[in-house]
Protein backbone atom coordinates (compact mmCIF):
# COMPACT_ATOMS: atom_id res chain seq x y z
CA MET A 1 -100.32 7.02 308.11
CA GLY A 2 -97.55 7.73 309.99
CA SER A 3 -95.41 11.17 309.88
CA VAL A 4 -97.57 14.08 307.90
CA ILE A 5 -95.84 17.40 307.20
CA ILE A 6 -98.82 19.76 306.76
CA ALA A 7 -98.57 22.87 304.49
CA LEU A 8 -100.20 26.05 304.88
CA ASP A 9 -100.26 27.51 300.99
CA LEU A 10 -101.60 30.93 301.90
CA GLY A 11 -102.84 32.13 298.90
CA THR A 12 -104.11 35.48 297.24
CA THR A 13 -108.08 34.36 297.04
CA GLY A 14 -108.17 31.36 300.19
CA ASN A 15 -105.88 29.54 301.71
CA ARG A 16 -105.55 25.67 302.27
CA ALA A 17 -103.69 23.30 304.31
CA ILE A 18 -102.56 19.21 303.23
CA ALA A 19 -101.03 16.98 304.92
CA PHE A 20 -98.07 15.08 303.01
CA SER A 21 -96.39 11.69 303.53
CA LYS A 22 -93.30 11.11 303.77
CA ASP A 23 -93.48 9.51 300.18
CA GLY A 24 -95.28 12.91 298.86
CA ARG A 25 -99.03 11.66 298.61
CA ILE A 26 -101.69 13.92 299.85
CA GLN A 27 -103.60 12.55 303.05
CA ALA A 28 -105.91 15.63 304.13
CA SER A 29 -106.34 18.80 302.48
CA SER A 30 -108.83 21.72 303.39
CA TYR A 31 -109.49 25.02 302.11
CA TYR A 32 -111.05 28.90 302.48
CA GLU A 33 -111.99 31.34 300.17
CA PHE A 34 -111.44 34.99 301.84
CA PRO A 35 -113.00 38.56 300.50
CA GLN A 36 -111.14 40.16 297.65
CA ILE A 37 -111.88 44.14 298.94
CA PHE A 38 -111.56 47.28 295.98
CA PRO A 39 -111.56 50.11 297.53
CA GLU A 40 -111.19 52.27 294.20
CA PRO A 41 -109.80 51.63 290.76
CA ALA A 42 -106.74 49.52 290.92
CA TRP A 43 -106.61 48.89 294.90
CA VAL A 44 -106.51 45.66 296.16
CA GLU A 45 -106.98 44.77 299.77
CA HIS A 46 -107.63 41.81 302.09
CA ASN A 47 -108.87 41.96 306.01
CA PRO A 48 -105.92 40.14 308.05
CA MET A 49 -107.95 38.39 310.19
CA ASP A 50 -109.78 36.57 307.36
CA ILE A 51 -106.17 35.64 306.31
CA TRP A 52 -105.65 34.45 309.79
CA ASP A 53 -109.04 32.72 310.85
CA THR A 54 -109.22 30.87 307.67
CA THR A 55 -105.66 29.50 307.65
CA LEU A 56 -106.63 28.53 311.25
CA LYS A 57 -109.82 26.70 310.03
CA ALA A 58 -107.92 24.76 307.39
CA LEU A 59 -105.21 24.01 309.77
CA ASN A 60 -107.59 22.63 312.00
CA ASP A 61 -109.41 20.70 310.10
CA VAL A 62 -106.40 18.87 308.65
CA ILE A 63 -105.00 17.91 312.17
CA HIS A 64 -108.35 16.74 313.05
CA LYS A 65 -108.55 14.53 309.28
CA VAL A 66 -104.98 12.87 310.09
CA GLY A 67 -104.46 13.31 313.77
CA ILE A 68 -102.42 15.37 316.01
CA GLN A 69 -100.18 12.75 317.04
CA ASN A 70 -99.18 12.51 313.31
CA VAL A 71 -98.35 16.21 312.70
CA THR A 72 -94.50 15.86 312.60
CA ALA A 73 -94.25 19.99 311.04
CA ILE A 74 -95.85 23.04 309.58
CA GLY A 75 -94.12 24.72 306.43
CA ILE A 76 -95.70 27.56 305.05
CA ALA A 77 -95.57 29.03 301.23
CA ASN A 78 -97.62 32.60 300.93
CA GLN A 79 -98.60 35.20 298.53
CA ARG A 80 -95.61 37.28 299.04
CA GLU A 81 -95.07 41.42 298.78
CA THR A 82 -98.96 42.04 300.70
CA THR A 83 -97.84 43.73 303.09
CA ILE A 84 -99.77 43.94 307.09
CA LEU A 85 -99.19 46.22 309.61
CA TRP A 86 -99.99 45.28 313.32
CA ASN A 87 -100.05 46.55 316.68
CA LYS A 88 -98.35 43.69 318.52
CA LYS A 89 -100.08 44.83 322.35
CA THR A 90 -103.37 44.69 320.72
CA GLY A 91 -102.47 42.19 317.78
CA LYS A 92 -104.91 44.29 315.54
CA PRO A 93 -103.76 44.94 312.32
CA VAL A 94 -103.65 49.03 311.93
CA TYR A 95 -105.24 48.59 307.95
CA ASN A 96 -106.25 45.96 305.65
CA ALA A 97 -103.35 44.16 304.04
CA ILE A 98 -102.27 46.02 301.02
CA VAL A 99 -102.26 42.97 298.03
CA TRP A 100 -99.56 42.35 296.08
CA GLN A 101 -101.64 43.78 292.96
CA ASP A 102 -102.38 46.86 294.48
CA ARG A 103 -101.38 49.68 292.17
CA ARG A 104 -102.36 53.09 294.59
CA THR A 105 -98.09 53.47 295.24
CA ALA A 106 -97.72 53.74 291.15
CA ASP A 107 -96.81 57.34 291.39
CA THR A 108 -94.48 57.33 294.21
CA CYS A 109 -92.54 54.80 292.11
CA ILE A 110 -92.49 57.31 289.61
CA THR A 111 -90.96 60.36 291.65
CA LEU A 112 -88.58 58.04 292.68
CA GLN A 113 -87.53 57.31 288.93
CA ASN A 114 -83.94 58.47 289.50
CA HIS A 115 -83.27 55.56 291.99
CA SER A 116 -84.33 52.50 289.83
CA GLU A 117 -81.10 51.45 289.14
CA ARG A 118 -79.40 51.76 292.19
CA ILE A 119 -82.52 49.85 293.72
CA LYS A 120 -82.40 47.09 291.09
CA GLN A 121 -78.58 46.60 291.50
CA LYS A 122 -79.25 45.93 294.68
CA THR A 123 -82.60 44.00 295.05
CA GLY A 124 -82.72 42.64 291.68
CA LEU A 125 -86.60 44.08 291.14
CA HIS A 126 -87.16 47.34 289.21
CA LEU A 127 -89.23 49.82 291.20
CA ASP A 128 -92.75 49.15 290.95
CA ALA A 129 -95.96 49.62 293.24
CA TYR A 130 -96.14 45.60 292.89
CA PHE A 131 -93.21 45.34 295.96
CA SER A 132 -93.58 46.01 299.21
CA ALA A 133 -91.68 49.28 300.19
CA THR A 134 -94.46 51.83 298.42
CA LYS A 135 -97.22 49.72 300.31
CA ILE A 136 -95.67 49.88 303.87
CA LYS A 137 -94.55 53.63 303.15
CA TRP A 138 -98.16 54.42 302.00
CA LEU A 139 -99.45 53.04 305.49
CA LEU A 140 -97.26 55.30 307.52
CA ASP A 141 -98.21 58.45 305.55
CA HIS A 142 -101.52 57.62 305.80
CA VAL A 143 -102.58 55.48 309.17
CA GLU A 144 -103.29 58.27 312.03
CA ASP A 145 -101.33 57.70 315.03
CA LEU A 146 -98.68 55.31 313.46
CA SER A 147 -95.85 57.30 314.05
CA SER A 148 -96.15 57.35 317.60
CA GLU A 149 -97.09 53.70 318.03
CA ILE A 150 -93.69 53.17 316.06
CA ASP A 151 -92.08 55.07 318.68
CA LYS A 152 -93.58 52.93 321.07
CA GLY A 153 -91.69 50.55 319.84
CA ASN A 154 -95.64 48.46 319.17
CA ILE A 155 -95.92 48.40 315.58
CA LEU A 156 -94.55 45.00 313.91
CA PHE A 157 -94.70 44.91 309.63
CA GLY A 158 -95.03 41.15 307.49
CA THR A 159 -95.51 40.07 304.58
CA VAL A 160 -98.42 36.92 304.99
CA ASP A 161 -95.64 34.23 306.07
CA THR A 162 -94.81 36.92 309.20
CA TRP A 163 -98.31 37.84 309.89
CA ILE A 164 -99.03 34.22 309.78
CA LEU A 165 -95.95 32.67 311.79
CA TRP A 166 -96.47 35.74 314.77
CA LYS A 167 -100.34 34.19 314.71
CA LEU A 168 -99.52 31.06 315.52
CA THR A 169 -95.81 31.63 317.71
CA GLY A 170 -95.52 34.99 318.54
CA VAL A 171 -92.04 35.24 316.65
CA HIS A 172 -91.47 37.94 314.55
CA ALA A 173 -89.63 36.31 311.48
CA THR A 174 -89.56 36.04 308.15
CA GLU A 175 -86.82 34.28 305.27
CA PRO A 176 -84.61 35.12 302.61
CA SER A 177 -87.32 34.38 299.25
CA ASN A 178 -89.89 37.10 301.01
CA ALA A 179 -87.24 39.27 302.16
CA SER A 180 -86.08 39.83 298.93
CA ARG A 181 -89.32 41.12 297.70
CA THR A 182 -89.68 43.97 299.36
CA LEU A 183 -87.58 46.33 297.71
CA LEU A 184 -85.53 46.59 301.32
CA PHE A 185 -83.20 43.60 300.72
CA ASN A 186 -80.19 43.77 299.53
CA ILE A 187 -79.72 40.02 297.56
CA HIS A 188 -75.67 40.92 297.62
CA THR A 189 -75.85 40.98 301.30
CA LEU A 190 -78.64 39.04 302.12
CA GLU A 191 -79.53 42.27 304.46
CA TYR A 192 -82.06 44.95 304.85
CA ASP A 193 -80.24 47.44 303.23
CA PRO A 194 -79.63 50.96 305.22
CA ASP A 195 -79.82 52.98 302.03
CA LEU A 196 -83.27 51.68 300.90
CA LEU A 197 -84.91 51.76 304.13
CA LYS A 198 -83.47 56.50 304.32
CA LEU A 199 -84.84 56.46 300.66
CA PHE A 200 -88.34 54.99 301.38
CA ASP A 201 -87.88 56.27 304.98
CA ILE A 202 -88.82 52.98 307.02
CA PRO A 203 -87.62 52.46 310.28
CA ARG A 204 -85.78 49.09 310.95
CA SER A 205 -87.68 48.55 313.87
CA ILE A 206 -90.65 46.88 312.30
CA LEU A 207 -89.16 44.79 310.04
CA PRO A 208 -88.93 41.28 310.77
CA GLU A 209 -85.71 39.01 311.56
CA ILE A 210 -84.22 36.88 308.75
CA LYS A 211 -83.88 33.47 309.14
CA GLU A 212 -82.79 30.85 306.81
CA SER A 213 -85.53 29.09 304.57
CA CYS A 214 -84.78 25.63 305.96
CA GLY A 215 -85.04 25.30 310.21
CA GLU A 216 -86.69 26.01 312.80
CA PHE A 217 -88.93 29.69 312.92
CA GLY A 218 -90.93 28.52 316.09
CA ILE A 219 -93.16 26.55 318.05
CA THR A 220 -97.48 26.87 317.61
CA ASP A 221 -99.15 27.87 320.46
CA PRO A 222 -101.40 24.39 321.69
CA LYS A 223 -104.27 26.52 322.09
CA TYR A 224 -104.03 27.00 318.11
CA THR A 225 -103.13 23.68 316.97
CA GLN A 226 -103.76 21.25 320.17
CA LYS A 227 -100.07 20.69 320.92
CA GLU A 228 -96.70 21.93 320.16
CA ILE A 229 -95.91 21.66 316.95
CA PRO A 230 -92.61 23.50 315.03
CA ILE A 231 -93.05 25.44 311.62
CA THR A 232 -89.63 24.31 310.27
CA GLY A 233 -89.85 26.06 306.46
CA ILE A 234 -91.18 29.15 304.82
CA LEU A 235 -90.52 30.04 301.06
CA GLY A 236 -92.13 33.10 299.18
CA ASP A 237 -95.19 30.71 296.91
CA GLN A 238 -93.66 31.00 293.84
CA GLN A 239 -90.13 30.11 294.88
CA ALA A 240 -91.54 26.61 296.95
CA ALA A 241 -93.29 26.07 293.66
CA LEU A 242 -89.94 25.94 291.83
CA PHE A 243 -88.55 24.05 295.01
CA ALA A 244 -91.25 21.44 294.14
CA GLN A 245 -90.61 21.03 290.39
CA GLY A 246 -87.04 20.51 291.36
CA GLY A 247 -85.63 24.11 290.58
CA TRP A 248 -82.44 23.14 291.90
CA GLU A 249 -81.85 21.39 288.87
CA LYS A 250 -80.27 22.26 286.22
CA GLY A 251 -82.37 23.64 283.18
CA VAL A 252 -85.49 23.26 284.63
CA ILE A 253 -88.12 26.42 283.90
CA LYS A 254 -91.33 26.09 285.61
CA ASN A 255 -94.38 28.42 285.34
CA THR A 256 -97.68 28.75 287.73
CA TYR A 257 -101.04 29.29 286.94
CA GLY A 258 -102.31 30.94 290.01
CA THR A 259 -104.13 34.49 290.50
CA GLY A 260 -101.02 35.91 288.74
CA LEU A 261 -98.80 33.79 286.01
CA PHE A 262 -94.88 33.31 288.00
CA LEU A 263 -91.78 31.85 285.55
CA MET A 264 -88.98 31.19 287.51
CA ALA A 265 -85.18 29.41 286.86
CA ALA A 266 -82.61 28.83 289.47
CA THR A 267 -79.36 30.31 288.74
CA GLN A 268 -77.76 28.67 292.05
CA ASN A 269 -75.36 31.23 292.70
CA GLN A 270 -74.95 33.58 290.24
CA ILE A 271 -77.03 36.91 290.06
CA PRO A 272 -76.94 37.69 285.95
CA ASP A 273 -78.08 41.19 284.63
CA THR A 274 -82.03 39.99 284.31
CA GLY A 275 -82.97 43.19 282.03
CA GLN A 276 -86.94 43.39 282.00
CA LEU A 277 -87.35 40.11 284.64
CA ILE A 278 -86.18 40.21 288.20
CA ASN A 279 -83.44 38.45 290.31
CA THR A 280 -84.76 37.37 293.67
CA VAL A 281 -83.44 34.49 296.25
CA GLY A 282 -84.73 31.43 295.46
CA TRP A 283 -84.21 29.69 299.02
CA THR A 284 -81.41 29.47 301.89
CA ILE A 285 -80.68 25.85 303.63
CA ASN A 286 -77.32 25.42 305.46
CA GLY A 287 -75.66 28.63 304.83
CA GLN A 288 -76.03 28.07 301.30
CA THR A 289 -78.34 30.89 298.81
CA THR A 290 -79.47 29.71 295.32
CA TYR A 291 -81.00 32.73 293.11
CA ALA A 292 -83.10 32.84 290.56
CA VAL A 293 -84.68 34.86 287.80
CA GLU A 294 -88.46 35.70 287.58
CA GLY A 295 -90.87 36.81 285.39
CA SER A 296 -94.33 38.31 287.09
CA VAL A 297 -97.17 38.54 285.64
CA PHE A 298 -100.25 39.90 287.43
CA ILE A 299 -103.37 38.29 286.08
CA GLY A 300 -103.27 34.86 285.36
CA GLY A 301 -106.25 32.89 286.47
CA SER A 302 -108.18 36.07 288.16
CA VAL A 303 -108.64 36.94 284.41
CA ILE A 304 -111.15 33.71 284.62
CA GLN A 305 -112.18 35.30 288.13
CA TRP A 306 -113.35 38.14 286.72
CA LEU A 307 -115.43 37.16 284.04
CA ARG A 308 -117.24 35.16 286.80
CA ASP A 309 -116.98 37.24 289.62
CA GLN A 310 -117.01 40.79 287.80
CA MET A 311 -118.86 40.23 284.45
CA GLY A 312 -121.19 37.41 284.73
CA ILE A 313 -120.00 35.91 281.70
CA ILE A 314 -119.34 32.34 283.71
CA LYS A 315 -121.29 31.13 286.47
CA ASP A 316 -117.46 28.75 286.91
CA ALA A 317 -114.52 28.57 286.18
CA SER A 318 -114.45 25.22 284.97
CA GLU A 319 -116.76 26.55 282.52
CA SER A 320 -114.02 27.96 280.49
CA GLU A 321 -112.00 25.54 279.19
CA LYS A 322 -116.12 23.87 277.83
CA TYR A 323 -116.69 27.97 275.83
CA ALA A 324 -113.16 27.85 274.48
CA THR A 325 -113.71 24.34 272.91
CA SER A 326 -116.76 24.94 271.30
CA ILE A 327 -115.62 27.03 268.65
CA GLU A 328 -112.83 26.86 266.44
CA ASP A 329 -110.28 29.42 267.29
CA ASN A 330 -110.83 33.36 268.74
CA GLU A 331 -111.70 34.99 265.38
CA GLY A 332 -109.54 37.92 265.54
CA VAL A 333 -110.84 38.52 269.32
CA TYR A 334 -107.95 39.39 271.81
CA PHE A 335 -107.86 40.38 275.48
CA VAL A 336 -105.22 41.90 276.95
CA PRO A 337 -105.94 42.07 280.94
CA ALA A 338 -104.24 44.63 281.60
CA LEU A 339 -106.36 44.81 284.64
CA GLN A 340 -103.62 46.28 287.21
CA GLY A 341 -101.71 47.59 285.01
CA LEU A 342 -98.89 44.93 283.05
CA GLY A 343 -95.58 43.34 284.86
CA ALA A 344 -93.28 41.54 283.24
CA PRO A 345 -91.37 42.20 281.18
CA TYR A 346 -93.45 45.42 280.32
CA TRP A 347 -93.79 47.08 283.24
CA ASP A 348 -96.24 49.64 282.56
CA SER A 349 -98.32 50.75 285.80
CA GLN A 350 -100.55 53.35 283.20
CA ALA A 351 -101.81 50.29 280.94
CA ARG A 352 -105.08 49.44 281.18
CA GLY A 353 -107.33 45.94 280.09
CA ILE A 354 -108.74 46.12 276.23
CA ILE A 355 -110.54 43.05 274.36
CA ILE A 356 -110.27 43.94 270.94
CA GLY A 357 -111.69 42.12 267.70
CA LEU A 358 -115.05 42.10 268.60
CA THR A 359 -117.83 42.19 265.38
CA ARG A 360 -121.04 40.91 265.18
CA HIS A 361 -120.54 37.85 265.50
CA THR A 362 -118.84 37.87 268.55
CA GLN A 363 -120.12 35.49 271.44
CA LYS A 364 -119.05 35.18 275.04
CA ALA A 365 -117.34 31.85 274.15
CA HIS A 366 -114.85 34.16 271.64
CA ILE A 367 -114.47 36.34 275.06
CA VAL A 368 -113.92 33.86 276.79
CA ARG A 369 -111.04 31.85 275.06
CA ALA A 370 -109.21 34.95 274.46
CA ALA A 371 -108.84 35.12 277.93
CA LEU A 372 -107.63 31.90 278.33
CA GLU A 373 -104.97 32.79 275.08
CA ALA A 374 -104.12 35.45 276.65
CA ILE A 375 -102.87 33.89 279.54
CA CYS A 376 -100.18 31.26 277.25
CA TYR A 377 -98.99 34.31 275.08
CA GLN A 378 -98.16 36.83 278.61
CA THR A 379 -96.49 33.40 279.52
CA LYS A 380 -94.44 33.57 276.51
CA ASP A 381 -93.68 36.95 276.45
CA VAL A 382 -91.48 35.72 279.60
CA VAL A 383 -90.11 32.69 277.79
CA ASP A 384 -88.83 34.66 274.92
CA THR A 385 -87.54 37.33 277.17
CA LEU A 386 -85.77 34.84 279.52
CA GLY A 387 -84.39 33.24 276.63
CA HIS A 388 -83.21 37.00 275.50
CA ILE A 389 -81.49 37.11 278.52
CA LEU A 390 -80.08 34.40 279.28
CA PRO A 391 -79.43 32.18 275.79
CA GLU A 392 -77.53 29.42 277.44
CA MET A 393 -80.81 28.34 279.60
CA THR A 394 -82.76 26.55 276.48
CA LEU A 395 -86.27 25.82 276.62
CA SER A 396 -87.04 21.83 276.01
CA GLN A 397 -90.15 22.15 278.42
CA LEU A 398 -92.11 23.97 280.45
CA ARG A 399 -93.02 23.01 283.91
CA VAL A 400 -96.23 23.82 284.86
CA ASP A 401 -98.59 24.38 288.17
CA GLY A 402 -101.35 26.04 290.18
CA GLY A 403 -105.07 25.67 290.10
CA ALA A 404 -105.49 26.72 286.46
CA SER A 405 -103.10 23.86 284.83
CA GLN A 406 -105.84 21.89 284.99
CA ASN A 407 -107.53 22.97 282.40
CA GLN A 408 -106.61 20.89 279.35
CA PHE A 409 -107.04 23.88 276.85
CA LEU A 410 -105.09 26.20 278.11
CA MET A 411 -102.50 23.80 278.72
CA GLN A 412 -102.49 22.44 275.00
CA PHE A 413 -102.84 26.22 273.91
CA GLN A 414 -99.76 27.18 275.84
CA ALA A 415 -97.64 24.07 274.56
CA ASP A 416 -98.46 25.06 271.25
CA ILE A 417 -97.98 29.00 271.40
CA LEU A 418 -94.58 27.75 273.00
CA GLY A 419 -94.11 25.11 270.66
CA VAL A 420 -92.56 23.02 273.22
CA PRO A 421 -93.99 20.17 275.84
CA VAL A 422 -95.79 21.48 279.15
CA GLU A 423 -95.21 19.12 281.70
CA ARG A 424 -97.87 18.90 284.19
CA PRO A 425 -97.35 16.97 287.75
CA THR A 426 -99.89 14.77 289.78
CA VAL A 427 -99.55 17.28 292.30
CA ILE A 428 -100.69 20.43 290.63
CA GLU A 429 -100.52 22.42 294.36
CA THR A 430 -96.73 22.64 294.47
CA THR A 431 -96.47 25.34 296.34
CA ALA A 432 -97.90 23.50 299.13
CA PHE A 433 -95.90 20.42 297.88
CA GLY A 434 -92.63 23.04 298.15
CA ALA A 435 -93.89 24.29 301.27
CA ALA A 436 -93.98 21.05 302.93
CA GLY A 437 -90.89 19.39 301.10
CA ILE A 438 -88.10 22.22 302.83
CA ALA A 439 -90.06 21.70 306.11
CA GLY A 440 -89.75 18.12 306.19
CA ILE A 441 -86.24 18.90 305.43
CA GLY A 442 -85.76 21.18 308.39
CA VAL A 443 -87.04 18.79 310.68
CA GLY A 444 -85.19 15.53 309.33
CA LEU A 445 -87.88 13.49 307.31
CA TRP A 446 -86.24 13.37 303.83
CA HIS A 447 -83.37 15.38 301.98
CA GLN A 448 -83.99 17.23 298.76
CA ASP A 449 -82.47 14.10 296.48
CA THR A 450 -85.11 11.84 298.14
CA PHE A 451 -88.40 14.79 298.33
CA LEU A 452 -87.77 15.25 294.77
CA LYS A 453 -88.42 11.15 293.80
CA SER A 454 -91.43 11.78 294.87
CA ARG A 455 -92.74 13.94 292.06
CA GLN A 456 -94.82 12.14 289.39
CA ILE A 457 -95.77 13.37 286.25
CA ASP A 458 -99.84 13.57 285.29
CA HIS A 459 -99.63 14.43 281.85
CA THR A 460 -97.02 15.91 279.04
CA PHE A 461 -99.41 18.28 276.31
CA ALA A 462 -97.40 18.00 273.30
CA PRO A 463 -97.10 21.29 270.92
CA ASN A 464 -99.71 21.23 267.60
CA MET A 465 -99.51 23.66 265.63
CA SER A 466 -97.90 25.45 262.54
CA ASP A 467 -95.29 27.61 262.88
CA LYS A 468 -96.88 30.08 260.76
CA LYS A 469 -99.42 30.03 262.60
CA ARG A 470 -97.89 30.71 265.99
CA VAL A 471 -95.81 33.21 264.27
CA ASP A 472 -99.34 34.94 263.19
CA LEU A 473 -101.19 34.79 266.39
CA TYR A 474 -98.47 35.83 268.71
CA GLN A 475 -97.90 38.96 266.53
CA LYS A 476 -101.37 39.74 266.85
CA TRP A 477 -101.17 39.37 270.07
CA THR A 478 -98.32 41.87 270.34
CA ASP A 479 -100.28 44.58 268.47
CA ALA A 480 -103.09 44.08 271.21
CA VAL A 481 -100.52 44.84 273.64
CA ASN A 482 -98.93 48.24 272.49
CA ARG A 483 -102.35 49.37 272.33
CA SER A 484 -103.19 48.52 275.97
CA LYS A 485 -99.86 50.63 276.86
CA GLY A 486 -99.44 53.58 278.88
CA TRP A 487 -103.34 53.83 278.74
CA GLU A 488 -103.87 56.01 281.61
CA SER A 489 -101.52 58.41 281.01
CA VAL A 490 -103.87 59.19 277.79
CA SER A 491 -105.64 62.66 278.23
């Protein structure tokens, strides 16, 4: 078999481990879901121990399949912004992880609106409950006896990459792509910003060390992995996907169809004015930082999970394609899945989900189709915004990845509503592929150019819709979105 890199793809609904060979082929994989916790409306939590247990189980499954002697290094890609505080003496979390989708701190963001421009200038991010800072602040304010433990130096903060790195190696560290999602990291200085720490009243002592994205982060404890294995690359999941899609090449725009939707394009060493989108760090390698522009949509593939788990409309996510293709069109039914508010390009925490256009003839197939179409409309929202703020970045094709990109109907409708080809790679788990790529570079298994040559195309979806129909469908979508905005504030 030869040398393999194991990528840990630490997602929002489950954790995956995949072993990649030097030619980019998958040698083994393992995946485990973990429970989603919804204590109150718009609150989303995970048990950090569930994250750890499923990660370790998946990792050891893959080690067993490929043989520990063949494992060269580990790379990590992770759900970003999700916030965990734990006690380094006991190793136990002080509270559940507050997930990136969680909206409990929306009111806190409203009270800080006077600082939003300063925050955007320093961090590249909008002041929103999506990011980590207000989640940390909520934990500091609501967990008993936390301040005294912080004074003793016992409390650590991390996003999921930091939590798993610490559990595997005892090292408390992160890297710029994840740090840039906290609202505490200055993307110009590439350090935590003292003014922002003061604004959010967060002690510097709990924050992890920031290392480069590529390089040795730590060595795993053999009690977990049979022998010591270096962890040599970490990226936030969307940055990892962009890396796997060759995002350092000019003009590459990718969209990941996971729990949410994440459209991203690299801007190299530039930090442009992004308006309703955000600036973020792509990665830092050998002292060089690549920046990116991103549009983050809160509800993507998870709308299908919602139809399955909360509503019982489908039994399995794979059924969504069958229902969508069983009817000719949506018959005027639109679904705005603002189940956690609206992210890019609207940033409306008061928006709520609506299904509109229902008649006596409406069947569940229309609702399922409307949910899939909504994923594509939301992508177009972000693509159009990107075109306005970066007119030089012309969209000639969209590179796609993520679990929902397997849905043939979804990808064809995406090509139709955008009017450009949609290119799907053979390895759609590109977050894992990107993590393996940067870890492999970190351990000298390949270079960026040789890594990219291993990328293979599975299918290109060509648009097949008239301009008039495209315009008419999208206009109806924007009408539906406008009706969902600000709903929570309506008395």
